[in-house]
Protein backbone atom coordinates (compact mmCIF):
# COMPACT_ATOMS: atom_id res chain seq x y z
CA UNK A 1 11.39 7.10 21.48
CA UNK A 2 11.60 6.50 17.86
CA UNK A 3 8.45 6.20 15.88
CA UNK A 4 8.53 4.86 12.28
CA UNK A 5 5.45 5.28 9.37
CA UNK A 6 4.88 2.36 7.36
CA UNK A 7 3.31 3.34 4.06
CA UNK A 8 2.10 0.54 1.87
CA UNK A 9 0.56 1.25 -2.02
CA UNK A 10 -0.78 -1.29 -4.47
CA UNK A 11 -3.48 -1.89 -7.47
CA UNK A 12 -3.91 -5.04 -5.41
CA UNK A 13 -5.38 -5.21 -2.56
CA UNK A 14 -4.78 -8.48 -1.49
CA UNK A 15 -1.12 -8.57 -1.85
CA UNK A 16 -1.32 -4.74 0.74
CA UNK A 17 -3.17 -7.02 3.05
CA UNK A 18 -1.39 -9.65 3.24
CA UNK A 19 2.29 -7.39 3.69
CA UNK A 20 0.21 -5.75 6.24
CA UNK A 21 -0.27 -8.70 8.38
CA UNK A 22 3.26 -10.19 8.14
CA UNK A 23 4.32 -6.66 9.35
CA UNK A 24 1.95 -6.75 12.29
CA UNK A 25 3.31 -10.33 13.05
CA UNK A 26 6.82 -8.87 13.34
CA UNK A 27 5.52 -5.97 16.06
CA UNK A 28 3.96 -8.56 18.03
CA UNK A 29 6.73 -10.77 18.15
CA UNK A 30 9.08 -8.15 19.16
CA UNK A 31 6.87 -6.82 21.47
CA UNK A 32 6.30 -2.96 19.39
CA UNK A 33 3.50 -0.89 19.91
CA UNK A 34 1.83 -1.18 17.01
CA UNK A 35 -1.34 1.08 15.50
CA UNK A 36 -2.84 -0.14 12.14
CA UNK A 37 -3.15 -1.13 9.68
CA UNK A 38 -5.17 2.22 8.84
CA UNK A 39 -6.81 2.16 5.60
CA UNK A 40 -6.08 5.18 3.38
CA UNK A 41 -8.60 6.58 1.17
CA UNK A 42 -8.20 4.67 -2.53
CA UNK A 43 -7.23 6.61 -5.19
CA UNK A 44 -9.43 5.71 -8.48
CA UNK A 45 -7.55 6.82 -12.12
CA UNK A 46 -10.20 6.89 -14.61
CA UNK A 47 -9.45 7.21 -18.64
CA UNK A 48 -12.15 7.15 -20.77
CA UNK A 49 -11.08 6.29 -24.14
CA UNK A 50 -12.93 6.27 -27.68
CA UNK A 51 -13.52 3.01 -29.64
CA UNK A 52 -13.01 4.21 -32.93
CA UNK A 53 -9.75 5.74 -33.87
CA UNK A 54 -10.95 7.58 -37.17
CA UNK A 55 -13.82 9.16 -35.80
CA UNK A 56 -16.74 7.60 -38.23
CA UNK A 57 -19.11 5.55 -36.97
CA UNK A 58 -21.34 5.58 -33.36
CA UNK A 59 -19.19 7.64 -30.77
CA UNK A 60 -18.49 4.46 -28.53
CA UNK A 61 -16.67 4.86 -25.73
CA UNK A 62 -14.39 2.48 -23.32
CA UNK A 63 -13.63 3.38 -19.56
CA UNK A 64 -10.83 2.08 -17.97
CA UNK A 65 -10.23 2.33 -13.79
CA UNK A 66 -7.53 1.40 -11.95
CA UNK A 67 -7.59 1.48 -8.09
CA UNK A 68 -4.53 2.34 -5.64
CA UNK A 69 -4.76 0.77 -2.45
CA UNK A 70 -2.97 2.38 0.61
CA UNK A 71 -2.43 1.09 4.58
CA UNK A 72 -0.54 3.12 7.03
CA UNK A 73 1.13 1.34 10.03
CA UNK A 74 3.16 2.59 12.95
CA UNK A 75 5.63 0.92 15.06
CA UNK A 76 6.89 2.49 17.93
CA UNK A 77 10.09 1.86 20.43
CA UNK A 78 11.49 -1.37 18.90
CA UNK A 79 14.40 -1.12 16.41
CA UNK A 80 14.81 -5.00 16.37
CA UNK A 81 11.43 -4.60 14.89
CA UNK A 82 12.42 -2.27 12.49
CA UNK A 83 15.37 -4.39 11.15
CA UNK A 84 12.87 -7.06 10.56
CA UNK A 85 10.45 -5.03 8.98
CA UNK A 86 13.35 -3.74 6.47
CA UNK A 87 14.27 -6.84 5.73
CA UNK A 88 10.60 -8.21 4.78
CA UNK A 89 10.09 -9.62 1.16
CA UNK A 90 8.15 -7.14 -0.54
CA UNK A 91 5.71 -8.35 -3.18
CA UNK A 92 5.74 -7.58 -7.05
CA UNK A 93 3.75 -4.36 -7.65
CA UNK A 94 3.84 -3.27 -4.11
CA UNK A 95 5.10 -0.34 -2.82
CA UNK A 96 6.43 0.34 0.33
CA UNK A 97 7.75 3.62 2.29
CA UNK A 98 9.31 3.95 5.92
CA UNK A 99 9.64 7.11 7.18
CA UNK A 100 11.60 7.50 10.94
CA UNK A 101 10.51 10.18 13.33
CA UNK A 102 11.66 11.00 16.89
């Protein structure tokens, strides 16, 4: 039995969810056993920076955050579905990683 794990990552939650829905539709079309999308913990990167570059004046700090949203989908027993997943259009800003297990 062959199993494929599809991991999706992006800073835009809407793009990740849309791509996950498209992969699930492909799995349903080819009668593959699907589990997911499982939302994985969101990575939050925080960067505090000082506004005044020369150190004069009030100590004001700007805080920037970037959130990385992740989803995990598992497909089983369908080689045709996996081929279609590999051909799916991946939007800009979304990373996709496919791991095959036996």
